[in-house]
Amino acid sequence: MPAKYVELKTADVELMEAELRTLCARAGAEAVVLVDLSGVILASHRVSDKIDHLLFAALLSSNFAATEELSRRLGVTGFRIMYHEGKRQNLYFDKVADDTILVVLFRDSNALGRVRLFTEKSIAELAKMVTAATRPAAEAPILPQAHAAAAYLAQMATSIQPGKL
């Protein structure tokens, strides 16, 4: 069980989205997404409806998490930024908090400096918001479905014998 979780209220999401709107305008970005590393979108601005948001968030978070783990195994410490340059679109990732990343989608690769500058300013604000919404795991609401799912997974894990997959 994680040591903490993020509990967002409507007002929290509205504040985050306001910061993302500001970042999007200043950086000249197409879209901005605040996502936790479990693949949940916390807030977003201008993400196309043509994109499957669940899949998009899962791919963004897993991409960052895999690269972060690879860096750790190679002895690179302090990994927090990742950049993908494409023919028509670029992705800029920056770590906001332990389990939260900000992803900026933009077209002009010459705008990377502007994206970095304004992302750094927004990261400070977003980090305060995420920290304020973070709670210890002991305060997590008790969900019967979660306990049933955890018990089922534990039972499945104990029934799997090494080498028998």
N, C-alpha and C. Protein backbone atom coordinates (compact mmCIF):
# COMPACT_ATOMS: atom_id res chain seq x y z
N MET A 1 0.85 -1.18 0.00
CA MET A 1 0.00 0.00 0.00
C MET A 1 0.89 1.24 0.00
N PRO A 2 0.58 2.24 -0.83
CA PRO A 2 1.40 3.45 -0.86
C PRO A 2 1.37 4.17 0.48
N ALA A 3 2.44 4.90 0.78
CA ALA A 3 2.53 5.63 2.04
C ALA A 3 1.65 6.88 2.03
N LYS A 4 1.21 7.31 0.83
CA LYS A 4 0.40 8.51 0.74
C LYS A 4 -0.49 8.45 -0.50
N TYR A 5 -1.45 9.35 -0.57
CA TYR A 5 -2.33 9.44 -1.72
C TYR A 5 -2.73 10.90 -1.91
N VAL A 6 -3.21 11.23 -3.10
CA VAL A 6 -3.64 12.59 -3.39
C VAL A 6 -5.16 12.62 -3.37
N GLU A 7 -5.70 13.54 -2.58
CA GLU A 7 -7.15 13.70 -2.47
C GLU A 7 -7.52 15.07 -3.05
N LEU A 8 -8.09 15.08 -4.23
CA LEU A 8 -8.41 16.33 -4.90
C LEU A 8 -9.88 16.68 -4.74
N LYS A 9 -10.11 17.92 -4.40
CA LYS A 9 -11.46 18.46 -4.35
C LYS A 9 -11.65 19.29 -5.61
N THR A 10 -12.87 19.64 -5.92
CA THR A 10 -13.18 20.42 -7.12
C THR A 10 -12.35 21.70 -7.16
N ALA A 11 -12.22 22.38 -6.04
CA ALA A 11 -11.46 23.63 -5.98
C ALA A 11 -9.98 23.38 -6.31
N ASP A 12 -9.43 22.24 -5.86
CA ASP A 12 -8.03 21.90 -6.16
C ASP A 12 -7.83 21.74 -7.66
N VAL A 13 -8.73 21.01 -8.29
CA VAL A 13 -8.63 20.77 -9.73
C VAL A 13 -8.78 22.09 -10.49
N GLU A 14 -9.69 22.93 -10.06
CA GLU A 14 -9.87 24.23 -10.72
C GLU A 14 -8.61 25.08 -10.64
N LEU A 15 -7.94 25.08 -9.47
CA LEU A 15 -6.69 25.83 -9.33
C LEU A 15 -5.59 25.26 -10.22
N MET A 16 -5.50 23.94 -10.26
CA MET A 16 -4.50 23.29 -11.11
C MET A 16 -4.75 23.60 -12.58
N GLU A 17 -6.01 23.51 -12.98
CA GLU A 17 -6.35 23.78 -14.38
C GLU A 17 -6.09 25.24 -14.74
N ALA A 18 -6.30 26.16 -13.81
CA ALA A 18 -5.99 27.58 -14.06
C ALA A 18 -4.49 27.75 -14.30
N GLU A 19 -3.68 27.07 -13.50
CA GLU A 19 -2.23 27.14 -13.68
C GLU A 19 -1.83 26.53 -15.03
N LEU A 20 -2.48 25.44 -15.40
CA LEU A 20 -2.17 24.80 -16.69
C LEU A 20 -2.57 25.69 -17.86
N ARG A 21 -3.70 26.39 -17.74
CA ARG A 21 -4.11 27.34 -18.79
C ARG A 21 -3.08 28.45 -18.95
N THR A 22 -2.59 28.97 -17.83
CA THR A 22 -1.58 30.02 -17.85
C THR A 22 -0.30 29.50 -18.51
N LEU A 23 0.13 28.32 -18.11
CA LEU A 23 1.33 27.73 -18.70
C LEU A 23 1.17 27.52 -20.20
N CYS A 24 0.04 27.00 -20.59
CA CYS A 24 -0.23 26.73 -22.01
C CYS A 24 -0.13 28.02 -22.82
N ALA A 25 -0.70 29.10 -22.32
CA ALA A 25 -0.66 30.38 -23.03
C ALA A 25 0.75 30.95 -23.07
N ARG A 26 1.45 30.95 -21.95
CA ARG A 26 2.80 31.52 -21.89
C ARG A 26 3.80 30.74 -22.73
N ALA A 27 3.71 29.42 -22.67
CA ALA A 27 4.69 28.57 -23.35
C ALA A 27 4.34 28.33 -24.82
N GLY A 28 3.16 28.72 -25.23
CA GLY A 28 2.74 28.46 -26.61
C GLY A 28 2.51 26.98 -26.85
N ALA A 29 2.02 26.29 -25.82
CA ALA A 29 1.82 24.84 -25.91
C ALA A 29 0.46 24.52 -26.51
N GLU A 30 0.36 23.32 -27.04
CA GLU A 30 -0.92 22.84 -27.56
C GLU A 30 -1.79 22.27 -26.45
N ALA A 31 -1.16 21.56 -25.53
CA ALA A 31 -1.89 20.92 -24.43
C ALA A 31 -0.93 20.71 -23.27
N VAL A 32 -1.51 20.59 -22.07
CA VAL A 32 -0.73 20.36 -20.86
C VAL A 32 -1.50 19.36 -20.00
N VAL A 33 -0.77 18.41 -19.41
CA VAL A 33 -1.40 17.38 -18.59
C VAL A 33 -0.60 17.21 -17.30
N LEU A 34 -1.30 17.19 -16.18
CA LEU A 34 -0.71 16.87 -14.89
C LEU A 34 -1.19 15.47 -14.55
N VAL A 35 -0.25 14.54 -14.43
CA VAL A 35 -0.61 13.13 -14.26
C VAL A 35 0.22 12.51 -13.14
N ASP A 36 -0.38 11.61 -12.39
CA ASP A 36 0.44 10.92 -11.39
C ASP A 36 1.02 9.66 -12.02
N LEU A 37 2.03 9.10 -11.37
CA LEU A 37 2.73 7.98 -11.98
C LEU A 37 1.93 6.69 -12.00
N SER A 38 0.75 6.69 -11.39
CA SER A 38 -0.11 5.51 -11.51
C SER A 38 -0.99 5.62 -12.75
N GLY A 39 -0.88 6.75 -13.48
CA GLY A 39 -1.62 6.90 -14.73
C GLY A 39 -2.94 7.63 -14.60
N VAL A 40 -3.12 8.40 -13.55
CA VAL A 40 -4.35 9.15 -13.34
C VAL A 40 -4.11 10.61 -13.69
N ILE A 41 -4.97 11.16 -14.55
CA ILE A 41 -4.88 12.58 -14.88
C ILE A 41 -5.46 13.37 -13.72
N LEU A 42 -4.64 14.24 -13.14
CA LEU A 42 -5.09 15.08 -12.03
C LEU A 42 -5.75 16.35 -12.57
N ALA A 43 -5.17 16.89 -13.65
CA ALA A 43 -5.72 18.08 -14.30
C ALA A 43 -5.13 18.14 -15.70
N SER A 44 -5.86 18.81 -16.60
CA SER A 44 -5.37 18.95 -17.97
C SER A 44 -5.97 20.19 -18.61
N HIS A 45 -5.35 20.60 -19.72
CA HIS A 45 -5.87 21.72 -20.47
C HIS A 45 -5.62 21.46 -21.95
N ARG A 46 -6.66 21.53 -22.73
CA ARG A 46 -6.65 21.41 -24.19
C ARG A 46 -6.20 20.05 -24.73
N VAL A 47 -6.41 18.99 -23.98
CA VAL A 47 -6.11 17.65 -24.50
C VAL A 47 -7.24 17.28 -25.45
N SER A 48 -6.90 16.90 -26.64
CA SER A 48 -7.88 16.60 -27.68
C SER A 48 -8.84 15.49 -27.26
N ASP A 49 -10.09 15.65 -27.64
CA ASP A 49 -11.09 14.60 -27.38
C ASP A 49 -10.87 13.39 -28.28
N LYS A 50 -10.05 13.55 -29.30
CA LYS A 50 -9.74 12.43 -30.19
C LYS A 50 -8.81 11.41 -29.53
N ILE A 51 -8.20 11.82 -28.42
CA ILE A 51 -7.25 10.97 -27.71
C ILE A 51 -7.99 10.25 -26.59
N ASP A 52 -7.72 8.96 -26.44
CA ASP A 52 -8.23 8.19 -25.31
C ASP A 52 -7.45 8.65 -24.07
N HIS A 53 -8.09 9.42 -23.20
CA HIS A 53 -7.42 10.04 -22.07
C HIS A 53 -6.82 9.02 -21.11
N LEU A 54 -7.52 7.91 -20.87
CA LEU A 54 -7.00 6.88 -19.98
C LEU A 54 -5.72 6.26 -20.54
N LEU A 55 -5.76 5.91 -21.80
CA LEU A 55 -4.58 5.32 -22.45
C LEU A 55 -3.45 6.34 -22.50
N PHE A 56 -3.77 7.58 -22.84
CA PHE A 56 -2.78 8.65 -22.92
C PHE A 56 -2.06 8.82 -21.59
N ALA A 57 -2.81 8.91 -20.50
CA ALA A 57 -2.21 9.09 -19.17
C ALA A 57 -1.36 7.88 -18.78
N ALA A 58 -1.85 6.69 -19.07
CA ALA A 58 -1.10 5.47 -18.75
C ALA A 58 0.22 5.42 -19.51
N LEU A 59 0.18 5.78 -20.78
CA LEU A 59 1.41 5.76 -21.59
C LEU A 59 2.39 6.84 -21.14
N LEU A 60 1.90 8.03 -20.84
CA LEU A 60 2.77 9.10 -20.37
C LEU A 60 3.46 8.72 -19.07
N SER A 61 2.67 8.23 -18.11
CA SER A 61 3.24 7.91 -16.81
C SER A 61 4.18 6.70 -16.88
N SER A 62 3.81 5.70 -17.65
CA SER A 62 4.69 4.52 -17.74
C SER A 62 5.98 4.84 -18.49
N ASN A 63 5.90 5.70 -19.49
CA ASN A 63 7.09 6.13 -20.21
C ASN A 63 8.05 6.82 -19.25
N PHE A 64 7.54 7.75 -18.47
CA PHE A 64 8.38 8.48 -17.53
C PHE A 64 8.93 7.55 -16.45
N ALA A 65 8.08 6.70 -15.90
CA ALA A 65 8.49 5.78 -14.83
C ALA A 65 9.57 4.82 -15.32
N ALA A 66 9.42 4.30 -16.54
CA ALA A 66 10.42 3.38 -17.08
C ALA A 66 11.76 4.08 -17.27
N THR A 67 11.73 5.29 -17.80
CA THR A 67 12.97 6.03 -18.00
C THR A 67 13.61 6.40 -16.67
N GLU A 68 12.79 6.76 -15.69
CA GLU A 68 13.29 7.09 -14.36
C GLU A 68 13.96 5.87 -13.73
N GLU A 69 13.34 4.70 -13.86
CA GLU A 69 13.93 3.47 -13.30
C GLU A 69 15.21 3.10 -14.02
N LEU A 70 15.23 3.23 -15.33
CA LEU A 70 16.45 2.96 -16.10
C LEU A 70 17.58 3.89 -15.63
N SER A 71 17.27 5.15 -15.45
CA SER A 71 18.26 6.11 -14.96
C SER A 71 18.78 5.71 -13.59
N ARG A 72 17.87 5.32 -12.73
CA ARG A 72 18.28 4.91 -11.38
C ARG A 72 19.23 3.72 -11.44
N ARG A 73 18.91 2.75 -12.28
CA ARG A 73 19.76 1.56 -12.39
C ARG A 73 21.12 1.87 -13.02
N LEU A 74 21.18 2.92 -13.80
CA LEU A 74 22.45 3.35 -14.39
C LEU A 74 23.22 4.29 -13.47
N GLY A 75 22.64 4.58 -12.31
CA GLY A 75 23.31 5.43 -11.33
C GLY A 75 23.08 6.91 -11.52
N VAL A 76 22.13 7.26 -12.39
CA VAL A 76 21.81 8.67 -12.60
C VAL A 76 20.82 9.09 -11.52
N THR A 77 21.21 10.06 -10.72
CA THR A 77 20.33 10.52 -9.65
C THR A 77 19.73 11.87 -10.02
N GLY A 78 18.63 12.19 -9.42
CA GLY A 78 17.99 13.48 -9.66
C GLY A 78 17.28 13.59 -11.00
N PHE A 79 16.93 12.46 -11.61
CA PHE A 79 16.23 12.47 -12.90
C PHE A 79 14.87 13.13 -12.72
N ARG A 80 14.58 14.15 -13.53
CA ARG A 80 13.27 14.77 -13.43
C ARG A 80 12.74 15.31 -14.74
N ILE A 81 13.55 15.41 -15.78
CA ILE A 81 13.09 15.99 -17.04
C ILE A 81 13.32 14.99 -18.18
N MET A 82 12.35 14.96 -19.09
CA MET A 82 12.46 14.10 -20.27
C MET A 82 11.87 14.88 -21.45
N TYR A 83 12.45 14.69 -22.63
CA TYR A 83 12.00 15.42 -23.81
C TYR A 83 11.96 14.47 -25.00
N HIS A 84 10.85 14.47 -25.73
CA HIS A 84 10.71 13.70 -26.97
C HIS A 84 10.46 14.69 -28.10
N GLU A 85 11.28 14.63 -29.13
CA GLU A 85 11.09 15.51 -30.28
C GLU A 85 10.54 14.69 -31.43
N GLY A 86 9.41 15.10 -31.95
CA GLY A 86 8.80 14.42 -33.09
C GLY A 86 8.78 15.30 -34.31
N LYS A 87 8.28 14.76 -35.41
CA LYS A 87 8.20 15.54 -36.65
C LYS A 87 7.19 16.68 -36.52
N ARG A 88 6.05 16.38 -35.92
CA ARG A 88 4.99 17.39 -35.83
C ARG A 88 4.68 17.83 -34.40
N GLN A 89 5.12 17.07 -33.43
CA GLN A 89 4.78 17.39 -32.06
C GLN A 89 5.90 16.96 -31.12
N ASN A 90 6.05 17.68 -30.05
CA ASN A 90 7.08 17.39 -29.05
C ASN A 90 6.42 17.21 -27.69
N LEU A 91 7.06 16.41 -26.86
CA LEU A 91 6.58 16.18 -25.50
C LEU A 91 7.70 16.56 -24.54
N TYR A 92 7.36 17.36 -23.56
CA TYR A 92 8.30 17.76 -22.52
C TYR A 92 7.72 17.31 -21.18
N PHE A 93 8.46 16.48 -20.46
CA PHE A 93 8.03 15.94 -19.16
C PHE A 93 8.87 16.61 -18.07
N ASP A 94 8.24 16.97 -16.97
CA ASP A 94 8.97 17.50 -15.83
C ASP A 94 8.30 17.00 -14.56
N LYS A 95 9.11 16.57 -13.62
CA LYS A 95 8.59 16.02 -12.38
C LYS A 95 8.12 17.15 -11.47
N VAL A 96 6.90 17.03 -10.97
CA VAL A 96 6.31 18.03 -10.08
C VAL A 96 6.54 17.64 -8.63
N ALA A 97 6.25 16.39 -8.31
CA ALA A 97 6.41 15.85 -6.96
C ALA A 97 6.85 14.39 -7.12
N ASP A 98 7.00 13.68 -6.01
CA ASP A 98 7.49 12.30 -6.08
C ASP A 98 6.75 11.45 -7.10
N ASP A 99 5.44 11.55 -7.11
CA ASP A 99 4.63 10.69 -7.96
C ASP A 99 3.81 11.46 -8.98
N THR A 100 4.22 12.67 -9.31
CA THR A 100 3.43 13.51 -10.20
C THR A 100 4.32 14.14 -11.26
N ILE A 101 3.86 14.10 -12.52
CA ILE A 101 4.62 14.73 -13.60
C ILE A 101 3.72 15.66 -14.40
N LEU A 102 4.36 16.63 -15.01
CA LEU A 102 3.69 17.56 -15.89
C LEU A 102 4.18 17.28 -17.29
N VAL A 103 3.26 17.16 -18.24
CA VAL A 103 3.63 16.90 -19.63
C VAL A 103 3.09 18.04 -20.48
N VAL A 104 3.98 18.64 -21.28
CA VAL A 104 3.63 19.74 -22.16
C VAL A 104 3.78 19.27 -23.60
N LEU A 105 2.71 19.40 -24.39
CA LEU A 105 2.74 19.06 -25.81
C LEU A 105 2.84 20.36 -26.60
N PHE A 106 3.83 20.44 -27.49
CA PHE A 106 4.00 21.65 -28.28
C PHE A 106 4.56 21.29 -29.65
N ARG A 107 4.40 22.17 -30.61
CA ARG A 107 4.80 21.90 -31.99
C ARG A 107 6.21 22.36 -32.32
N ASP A 108 6.52 23.60 -32.11
CA ASP A 108 7.77 24.19 -32.56
C ASP A 108 8.93 23.76 -31.65
N SER A 109 9.86 22.94 -32.17
CA SER A 109 10.98 22.48 -31.34
C SER A 109 11.89 23.64 -30.95
N ASN A 110 11.82 24.76 -31.67
CA ASN A 110 12.60 25.94 -31.30
C ASN A 110 12.06 26.59 -30.03
N ALA A 111 10.85 26.21 -29.63
CA ALA A 111 10.22 26.79 -28.45
C ALA A 111 10.61 26.05 -27.16
N LEU A 112 11.51 25.09 -27.23
CA LEU A 112 11.87 24.29 -26.06
C LEU A 112 12.33 25.17 -24.89
N GLY A 113 13.14 26.18 -25.17
CA GLY A 113 13.60 27.08 -24.11
C GLY A 113 12.46 27.79 -23.42
N ARG A 114 11.50 28.26 -24.21
CA ARG A 114 10.33 28.94 -23.65
C ARG A 114 9.50 27.95 -22.83
N VAL A 115 9.34 26.74 -23.34
CA VAL A 115 8.58 25.72 -22.61
C VAL A 115 9.25 25.42 -21.28
N ARG A 116 10.56 25.24 -21.29
CA ARG A 116 11.30 24.96 -20.05
C ARG A 116 11.17 26.09 -19.04
N LEU A 117 11.32 27.32 -19.51
CA LEU A 117 11.26 28.49 -18.63
C LEU A 117 9.91 28.58 -17.92
N PHE A 118 8.84 28.51 -18.68
CA PHE A 118 7.53 28.67 -18.08
C PHE A 118 7.07 27.42 -17.33
N THR A 119 7.56 26.26 -17.74
CA THR A 119 7.25 25.04 -17.00
C THR A 119 7.86 25.10 -15.60
N GLU A 120 9.09 25.58 -15.51
CA GLU A 120 9.73 25.69 -14.19
C GLU A 120 8.92 26.59 -13.26
N LYS A 121 8.38 27.67 -13.79
CA LYS A 121 7.57 28.57 -12.97
C LYS A 121 6.28 27.89 -12.52
N SER A 122 5.66 27.14 -13.42
CA SER A 122 4.41 26.45 -13.07
C SER A 122 4.65 25.28 -12.13
N ILE A 123 5.80 24.62 -12.27
CA ILE A 123 6.12 23.47 -11.41
C ILE A 123 6.08 23.88 -9.95
N ALA A 124 6.63 25.05 -9.63
CA ALA A 124 6.65 25.51 -8.24
C ALA A 124 5.22 25.66 -7.70
N GLU A 125 4.34 26.23 -8.49
CA GLU A 125 2.95 26.41 -8.06
C GLU A 125 2.22 25.07 -7.96
N LEU A 126 2.39 24.24 -8.99
CA LEU A 126 1.72 22.94 -8.99
C LEU A 126 2.21 22.05 -7.86
N ALA A 127 3.50 22.11 -7.54
CA ALA A 127 4.05 21.31 -6.45
C ALA A 127 3.39 21.68 -5.13
N LYS A 128 3.16 22.98 -4.91
CA LYS A 128 2.46 23.42 -3.69
C LYS A 128 1.05 22.84 -3.64
N MET A 129 0.38 22.86 -4.78
CA MET A 129 -1.00 22.36 -4.84
C MET A 129 -1.06 20.85 -4.59
N VAL A 130 -0.14 20.11 -5.21
CA VAL A 130 -0.11 18.65 -5.03
C VAL A 130 0.24 18.31 -3.59
N THR A 131 1.21 19.01 -3.02
CA THR A 131 1.60 18.77 -1.63
C THR A 131 0.44 19.04 -0.69
N ALA A 132 -0.30 20.12 -0.93
CA ALA A 132 -1.45 20.45 -0.07
C ALA A 132 -2.54 19.39 -0.16
N ALA A 133 -2.65 18.71 -1.29
CA ALA A 133 -3.70 17.70 -1.48
C ALA A 133 -3.24 16.29 -1.12
N THR A 134 -1.97 16.14 -0.73
CA THR A 134 -1.42 14.82 -0.41
C THR A 134 -1.71 14.48 1.05
N ARG A 135 -2.19 13.27 1.25
CA ARG A 135 -2.55 12.79 2.58
C ARG A 135 -1.81 11.49 2.89
N PRO A 136 -1.58 11.21 4.19
CA PRO A 136 -0.98 9.92 4.56
C PRO A 136 -1.95 8.78 4.24
N ALA A 137 -1.41 7.63 3.92
CA ALA A 137 -2.23 6.47 3.57
C ALA A 137 -3.19 6.10 4.70
N ALA A 138 -2.79 6.36 5.93
CA ALA A 138 -3.65 6.02 7.07
C ALA A 138 -4.98 6.78 7.02
N GLU A 139 -5.01 7.92 6.34
CA GLU A 139 -6.23 8.71 6.24
C GLU A 139 -7.09 8.32 5.03
N ALA A 140 -6.64 7.36 4.24
CA ALA A 140 -7.38 6.97 3.04
C ALA A 140 -8.73 6.40 3.41
N PRO A 141 -9.75 6.74 2.63
CA PRO A 141 -11.08 6.18 2.91
C PRO A 141 -11.05 4.67 2.70
N ILE A 142 -11.82 3.97 3.50
CA ILE A 142 -11.87 2.52 3.39
C ILE A 142 -12.91 2.15 2.34
N LEU A 143 -12.45 1.48 1.30
CA LEU A 143 -13.34 1.07 0.21
C LEU A 143 -13.42 -0.45 0.20
N PRO A 144 -14.59 -1.01 0.46
CA PRO A 144 -14.71 -2.47 0.50
C PRO A 144 -14.24 -3.14 -0.79
N GLN A 145 -14.48 -2.48 -1.94
CA GLN A 145 -14.06 -3.07 -3.21
C GLN A 145 -12.55 -3.20 -3.27
N ALA A 146 -11.84 -2.21 -2.74
CA ALA A 146 -10.38 -2.24 -2.76
C ALA A 146 -9.86 -3.39 -1.91
N HIS A 147 -10.47 -3.61 -0.74
CA HIS A 147 -10.04 -4.71 0.11
C HIS A 147 -10.32 -6.06 -0.54
N ALA A 148 -11.46 -6.18 -1.19
CA ALA A 148 -11.78 -7.43 -1.88
C ALA A 148 -10.81 -7.68 -3.03
N ALA A 149 -10.49 -6.64 -3.78
CA ALA A 149 -9.54 -6.77 -4.90
C ALA A 149 -8.15 -7.13 -4.38
N ALA A 150 -7.72 -6.48 -3.29
CA ALA A 150 -6.41 -6.77 -2.72
C ALA A 150 -6.33 -8.21 -2.21
N ALA A 151 -7.39 -8.68 -1.58
CA ALA A 151 -7.42 -10.06 -1.08
C ALA A 151 -7.36 -11.05 -2.24
N TYR A 152 -8.09 -10.76 -3.31
CA TYR A 152 -8.07 -11.64 -4.49
C TYR A 152 -6.67 -11.68 -5.11
N LEU A 153 -6.04 -10.53 -5.26
CA LEU A 153 -4.70 -10.48 -5.83
C LEU A 153 -3.69 -11.20 -4.95
N ALA A 154 -3.82 -11.04 -3.65
CA ALA A 154 -2.92 -11.74 -2.72
C ALA A 154 -3.09 -13.25 -2.85
N GLN A 155 -4.34 -13.70 -2.97
CA GLN A 155 -4.62 -15.12 -3.14
C GLN A 155 -4.01 -15.63 -4.44
N MET A 156 -4.16 -14.86 -5.52
CA MET A 156 -3.59 -15.26 -6.81
C MET A 156 -2.07 -15.31 -6.74
N ALA A 157 -1.46 -14.35 -6.07
CA ALA A 157 -0.02 -14.30 -5.97
C ALA A 157 0.54 -15.49 -5.21
N THR A 158 -0.15 -15.95 -4.18
CA THR A 158 0.33 -17.09 -3.41
C THR A 158 0.12 -18.40 -4.15
N SER A 159 -0.83 -18.42 -5.10
CA SER A 159 -1.09 -19.66 -5.84
C SER A 159 -0.13 -19.84 -7.01
N ILE A 160 0.58 -18.79 -7.40
CA ILE A 160 1.52 -18.89 -8.52
C ILE A 160 2.85 -19.46 -8.01
N GLN A 161 3.28 -20.53 -8.65
CA GLN A 161 4.53 -21.14 -8.27
C GLN A 161 5.61 -20.67 -9.23
N PRO A 162 6.78 -20.32 -8.69
CA PRO A 162 7.88 -19.85 -9.57
C PRO A 162 8.19 -20.90 -10.64
N GLY A 163 8.40 -20.43 -11.84
CA GLY A 163 8.75 -21.31 -12.95
C GLY A 163 7.57 -22.00 -13.59
N LYS A 164 6.35 -21.76 -13.12
CA LYS A 164 5.17 -22.44 -13.65
C LYS A 164 4.31 -21.53 -14.52
N LEU A 165 4.81 -20.36 -14.89
CA LEU A 165 4.01 -19.44 -15.71
C LEU A 165 3.99 -19.85 -17.13
